[in-house]
C-alpha atoms as a PDB file:
ATOM      1  CA  UNK A   1     -29.065  -9.397  -2.725  1.00  0.00           C
ATOM      2  CA  UNK A   2     -29.976  -7.056  -5.487  1.00  0.00           C
ATOM      3  CA  UNK A   3     -27.908  -5.721  -8.384  1.00  0.00           C
ATOM      4  CA  UNK A   4     -24.570  -4.167  -7.713  1.00  0.00           C
ATOM      5  CA  UNK A   5     -23.046  -4.756  -4.345  1.00  0.00           C
ATOM      6  CA  UNK A   6     -20.827  -1.813  -3.509  1.00  0.00           C
ATOM      7  CA  UNK A   7     -18.510  -2.107  -0.573  1.00  0.00           C
ATOM      8  CA  UNK A   8     -17.110   0.973   1.104  1.00  0.00           C
ATOM      9  CA  UNK A   9     -14.713   0.760   3.976  1.00  0.00           C
ATOM     10  CA  UNK A  10     -12.699   3.120   6.095  1.00  0.00           C
ATOM     11  CA  UNK A  11      -9.336   2.082   7.396  1.00  0.00           C
ATOM     12  CA  UNK A  12      -8.993   3.699  10.784  1.00  0.00           C
ATOM     13  CA  UNK A  13      -6.379   1.304  12.137  1.00  0.00           C
ATOM     14  CA  UNK A  14      -4.888  -1.382  10.023  1.00  0.00           C
ATOM     15  CA  UNK A  15      -1.502  -2.686  10.909  1.00  0.00           C
ATOM     16  CA  UNK A  16       0.352  -5.930  10.615  1.00  0.00           C
ATOM     17  CA  UNK A  17      -0.554  -8.404  13.385  1.00  0.00           C
ATOM     18  CA  UNK A  18       2.976  -8.391  14.825  1.00  0.00           C
ATOM     19  CA  UNK A  19       2.516  -4.701  15.699  1.00  0.00           C
ATOM     20  CA  UNK A  20      -0.279  -5.680  18.057  1.00  0.00           C
ATOM     21  CA  UNK A  21       1.716  -8.474  19.625  1.00  0.00           C
ATOM     22  CA  UNK A  22       4.913  -6.741  20.685  1.00  0.00           C
ATOM     23  CA  UNK A  23       4.445  -3.071  19.832  1.00  0.00           C
ATOM     24  CA  UNK A  24       7.377  -2.955  17.416  1.00  0.00           C
ATOM     25  CA  UNK A  25       6.929  -1.953  13.769  1.00  0.00           C
ATOM     26  CA  UNK A  26       6.312  -4.801  11.381  1.00  0.00           C
ATOM     27  CA  UNK A  27       9.318  -5.817   9.344  1.00  0.00           C
ATOM     28  CA  UNK A  28       9.955  -9.040   7.450  1.00  0.00           C
ATOM     29  CA  UNK A  29      11.008 -11.877   9.704  1.00  0.00           C
ATOM     30  CA  UNK A  30      13.850 -13.068   7.528  1.00  0.00           C
ATOM     31  CA  UNK A  31      17.027 -10.974   7.602  1.00  0.00           C
ATOM     32  CA  UNK A  32      18.193  -9.627   4.288  1.00  0.00           C
ATOM     33  CA  UNK A  33      21.629 -10.545   3.079  1.00  0.00           C
ATOM     34  CA  UNK A  34      23.502 -11.823   0.107  1.00  0.00           C
ATOM     35  CA  UNK A  35      22.355 -15.377   0.760  1.00  0.00           C
ATOM     36  CA  UNK A  36      18.699 -14.371   0.535  1.00  0.00           C
ATOM     37  CA  UNK A  37      17.508 -13.943  -3.002  1.00  0.00           C
ATOM     38  CA  UNK A  38      15.719 -10.773  -4.031  1.00  0.00           C
ATOM     39  CA  UNK A  39      12.559 -12.765  -4.701  1.00  0.00           C
ATOM     40  CA  UNK A  40      12.530 -14.191  -1.182  1.00  0.00           C
ATOM     41  CA  UNK A  41      13.143 -10.697   0.223  1.00  0.00           C
ATOM     42  CA  UNK A  42      10.179  -9.388  -1.750  1.00  0.00           C
ATOM     43  CA  UNK A  43       7.990 -12.307  -0.700  1.00  0.00           C
ATOM     44  CA  UNK A  44       8.811 -11.745   2.968  1.00  0.00           C
ATOM     45  CA  UNK A  45       6.696  -8.559   2.828  1.00  0.00           C
ATOM     46  CA  UNK A  46       3.617 -10.263   1.418  1.00  0.00           C
ATOM     47  CA  UNK A  47       0.782 -10.074   1.915  1.00  0.00           C
ATOM     48  CA  UNK A  48       0.787  -6.326   2.432  1.00  0.00           C
ATOM     49  CA  UNK A  49      -1.983  -4.762   4.441  1.00  0.00           C
ATOM     50  CA  UNK A  50      -4.534  -2.923   2.260  1.00  0.00           C
ATOM     51  CA  UNK A  51      -3.317   0.400   3.672  1.00  0.00           C
ATOM     52  CA  UNK A  52       0.313  -0.366   2.771  1.00  0.00           C
ATOM     53  CA  UNK A  53      -0.622  -1.469  -0.727  1.00  0.00           C
ATOM     54  CA  UNK A  54      -2.698   1.666  -1.359  1.00  0.00           C
ATOM     55  CA  UNK A  55       0.166   3.872  -0.141  1.00  0.00           C
ATOM     56  CA  UNK A  56       2.650   2.150  -2.462  1.00  0.00           C
ATOM     57  CA  UNK A  57       0.191   2.512  -5.341  1.00  0.00           C
ATOM     58  CA  UNK A  58      -0.242   6.214  -4.608  1.00  0.00           C
ATOM     59  CA  UNK A  59       3.535   6.695  -4.833  1.00  0.00           C
ATOM     60  CA  UNK A  60       3.946   4.575  -7.977  1.00  0.00           C
ATOM     61  CA  UNK A  61       3.577   7.555 -10.290  1.00  0.00           C
ATOM     62  CA  UNK A  62       5.655  10.060  -8.338  1.00  0.00           C
ATOM     63  CA  UNK A  63       6.488  11.764  -5.069  1.00  0.00           C
ATOM     64  CA  UNK A  64       3.713  12.888  -2.761  1.00  0.00           C
ATOM     65  CA  UNK A  65       3.312  14.308   0.719  1.00  0.00           C
ATOM     66  CA  UNK A  66       1.010  12.657   3.252  1.00  0.00           C
ATOM     67  CA  UNK A  67      -2.131  14.665   2.544  1.00  0.00           C
ATOM     68  CA  UNK A  68      -1.702  14.112  -1.210  1.00  0.00           C
ATOM     69  CA  UNK A  69      -1.445  10.362  -0.563  1.00  0.00           C
ATOM     70  CA  UNK A  70      -4.713  10.429   1.416  1.00  0.00           C
ATOM     71  CA  UNK A  71      -6.424  12.309  -1.416  1.00  0.00           C
ATOM     72  CA  UNK A  72      -4.961  10.028  -4.111  1.00  0.00           C
ATOM     73  CA  UNK A  73      -6.195   6.868  -2.376  1.00  0.00           C
ATOM     74  CA  UNK A  74      -9.689   8.317  -1.877  1.00  0.00           C
ATOM     75  CA  UNK A  75      -9.846   9.587  -5.483  1.00  0.00           C
ATOM     76  CA  UNK A  76      -8.533   6.390  -7.060  1.00  0.00           C
ATOM     77  CA  UNK A  77     -10.934   4.219  -5.071  1.00  0.00           C
ATOM     78  CA  UNK A  78     -13.880   6.601  -5.512  1.00  0.00           C
ATOM     79  CA  UNK A  79     -13.935   7.106  -1.719  1.00  0.00           C
ATOM     80  CA  UNK A  80     -14.317   3.378  -1.066  1.00  0.00           C
ATOM     81  CA  UNK A  81     -11.020   3.434   0.846  1.00  0.00           C
ATOM     82  CA  UNK A  82     -10.279   6.325   3.179  1.00  0.00           C
ATOM     83  CA  UNK A  83      -7.136   6.133   5.246  1.00  0.00           C
ATOM     84  CA  UNK A  84      -7.087   7.926   8.570  1.00  0.00           C
ATOM     85  CA  UNK A  85      -4.125  10.185   9.309  1.00  0.00           C
ATOM     86  CA  UNK A  86      -2.927   7.818  12.042  1.00  0.00           C
ATOM     87  CA  UNK A  87      -3.024   4.824   9.714  1.00  0.00           C
ATOM     88  CA  UNK A  88      -1.249   6.762   6.976  1.00  0.00           C
ATOM     89  CA  UNK A  89       1.596   8.130   9.076  1.00  0.00           C
ATOM     90  CA  UNK A  90       2.126   4.891  11.003  1.00  0.00           C
ATOM     91  CA  UNK A  91       2.383   2.985   7.732  1.00  0.00           C
ATOM     92  CA  UNK A  92       4.623   5.624   6.138  1.00  0.00           C
ATOM     93  CA  UNK A  93       7.011   5.152   9.061  1.00  0.00           C
ATOM     94  CA  UNK A  94       6.934   1.348   8.704  1.00  0.00           C
ATOM     95  CA  UNK A  95       7.390   1.467   4.933  1.00  0.00           C
ATOM     96  CA  UNK A  96      10.273   3.913   5.256  1.00  0.00           C
ATOM     97  CA  UNK A  97      11.981   1.787   7.956  1.00  0.00           C
ATOM     98  CA  UNK A  98      11.649  -1.267   5.727  1.00  0.00           C
ATOM     99  CA  UNK A  99      13.175   0.535   2.721  1.00  0.00           C
ATOM    100  CA  UNK A 100      10.046   0.443   0.542  1.00  0.00           C
ATOM    101  CA  UNK A 101       9.720   4.225   0.476  1.00  0.00           C
ATOM    102  CA  UNK A 102      12.113   7.075   1.192  1.00  0.00           C
ATOM    103  CA  UNK A 103      11.816  10.726   2.035  1.00  0.00           C
ATOM    104  CA  UNK A 104      12.526  12.822  -1.031  1.00  0.00           C
ATOM    105  CA  UNK A 105      15.258  15.425  -0.924  1.00  0.00           C
ATOM    106  CA  UNK A 106      13.576  17.454  -3.662  1.00  0.00           C
ATOM    107  CA  UNK A 107      11.084  20.149  -2.721  1.00  0.00           C
ATOM    108  CA  UNK A 108       8.634  22.165  -4.782  1.00  0.00           C
ATOM    109  CA  UNK A 109       9.223  25.888  -5.284  1.00  0.00           C
ATOM    110  CA  UNK A 110       9.005  27.813  -2.004  1.00  0.00           C
ATOM    111  CA  UNK A 111       5.774  29.491  -3.103  1.00  0.00           C
ATOM    112  CA  UNK A 112       4.104  26.098  -3.576  1.00  0.00           C
ATOM    113  CA  UNK A 113       5.692  24.383  -0.584  1.00  0.00           C
ATOM    114  CA  UNK A 114       4.881  24.065   3.081  1.00  0.00           C
ATOM    115  CA  UNK A 115       8.131  23.412   4.927  1.00  0.00           C
ATOM    116  CA  UNK A 116       6.344  21.116   7.402  1.00  0.00           C
ATOM    117  CA  UNK A 117       5.500  18.614   4.684  1.00  0.00           C
ATOM    118  CA  UNK A 118       7.574  15.532   4.095  1.00  0.00           C
ATOM    119  CA  UNK A 119       7.566  14.197   0.546  1.00  0.00           C
ATOM    120  CA  UNK A 120       7.887  10.465  -0.058  1.00  0.00           C
ATOM    121  CA  UNK A 121       8.951   8.431  -3.049  1.00  0.00           C
ATOM    122  CA  UNK A 122       8.746   4.762  -3.898  1.00  0.00           C
ATOM    123  CA  UNK A 123      12.117   3.007  -3.835  1.00  0.00           C
ATOM    124  CA  UNK A 124      13.043   0.427  -6.442  1.00  0.00           C
ATOM    125  CA  UNK A 125      12.604  -2.271  -3.799  1.00  0.00           C
ATOM    126  CA  UNK A 126       9.214  -0.809  -2.869  1.00  0.00           C
ATOM    127  CA  UNK A 127       8.155  -0.998  -6.519  1.00  0.00           C
ATOM    128  CA  UNK A 128       9.245  -4.659  -6.652  1.00  0.00           C
ATOM    129  CA  UNK A 129       7.205  -5.439  -3.525  1.00  0.00           C
ATOM    130  CA  UNK A 130       4.148  -3.607  -4.926  1.00  0.00           C
ATOM    131  CA  UNK A 131       4.415  -5.501  -8.220  1.00  0.00           C
ATOM    132  CA  UNK A 132       4.789  -8.827  -6.393  1.00  0.00           C
ATOM    133  CA  UNK A 133       1.715  -8.034  -4.276  1.00  0.00           C
ATOM    134  CA  UNK A 134      -0.322  -7.060  -7.351  1.00  0.00           C
ATOM    135  CA  UNK A 135       0.701 -10.330  -9.010  1.00  0.00           C
ATOM    136  CA  UNK A 136      -0.346 -12.261  -5.889  1.00  0.00           C
ATOM    137  CA  UNK A 137      -3.739 -10.542  -5.972  1.00  0.00           C
ATOM    138  CA  UNK A 138      -4.086 -11.244  -9.683  1.00  0.00           C
ATOM    139  CA  UNK A 139      -3.461 -14.953  -9.097  1.00  0.00           C
ATOM    140  CA  UNK A 140      -6.069 -15.018  -6.333  1.00  0.00           C
ATOM    141  CA  UNK A 141      -8.548 -13.293  -8.648  1.00  0.00           C
ATOM    142  CA  UNK A 142      -7.858 -15.867 -11.385  1.00  0.00           C
ATOM    143  CA  UNK A 143      -8.560 -18.648  -8.881  1.00  0.00           C
ATOM    144  CA  UNK A 144     -11.825 -16.983  -7.842  1.00  0.00           C
ATOM    145  CA  UNK A 145     -12.857 -16.742 -11.503  1.00  0.00           C
ATOM    146  CA  UNK A 146     -11.955 -20.397 -12.056  1.00  0.00           C
ATOM    147  CA  UNK A 147     -14.249 -21.304  -9.156  1.00  0.00           C
ATOM    148  CA  UNK A 148     -16.985 -19.190 -10.750  1.00  0.00           C
ATOM    149  CA  UNK A 149     -17.337 -16.865  -7.769  1.00  0.00           C
ATOM    150  CA  UNK A 150     -18.303 -14.039 -10.095  1.00  0.00           C
ATOM    151  CA  UNK A 151     -21.737 -13.923 -11.594  1.00  0.00           C
ATOM    152  CA  UNK A 152     -22.055 -13.302 -15.282  1.00  0.00           C
ATOM    153  CA  UNK A 153     -23.522  -9.851 -15.954  1.00  0.00           C
ATOM    154  CA  UNK A 154     -27.181  -9.856 -16.906  1.00  0.00           C
ATOM    155  CA  UNK A 155     -27.805  -8.669 -20.426  1.00  0.00           C
ATOM    156  CA  UNK A 156     -30.493  -6.048 -20.951  1.00  0.00           C
END
């Protein structure tokens, strides 16, 4: 293989495996309650699917409607990740049902708004899950570096 290996991928359908098994939306298997610590609740959502993680990242800096989320993911990943509308809206529904995101009650000025749009925001719990997932990925990356999976860049 030569030089830089660039991987582009489209996510046309990416859901949690339990969706395929019984048709119900994916939710953590452990019920939440006072006896379950917040850390265990957060861990019950991991690993997130790539689509879910990219959606949470897109909402990390503020509210967005669906189309803005699609554009944010494509822009941030330099078009390496492109979510389909079906993947986006299915995951928005799952994330909202699980309490990781919520529909915003605030709307832009009427001149700038389209009343059909739904605006989403990241909940505090959603932020905790996104941070926990990023930390999990960081640990995996550290292990890959320790195993010398990355080549050292060639100097000119």
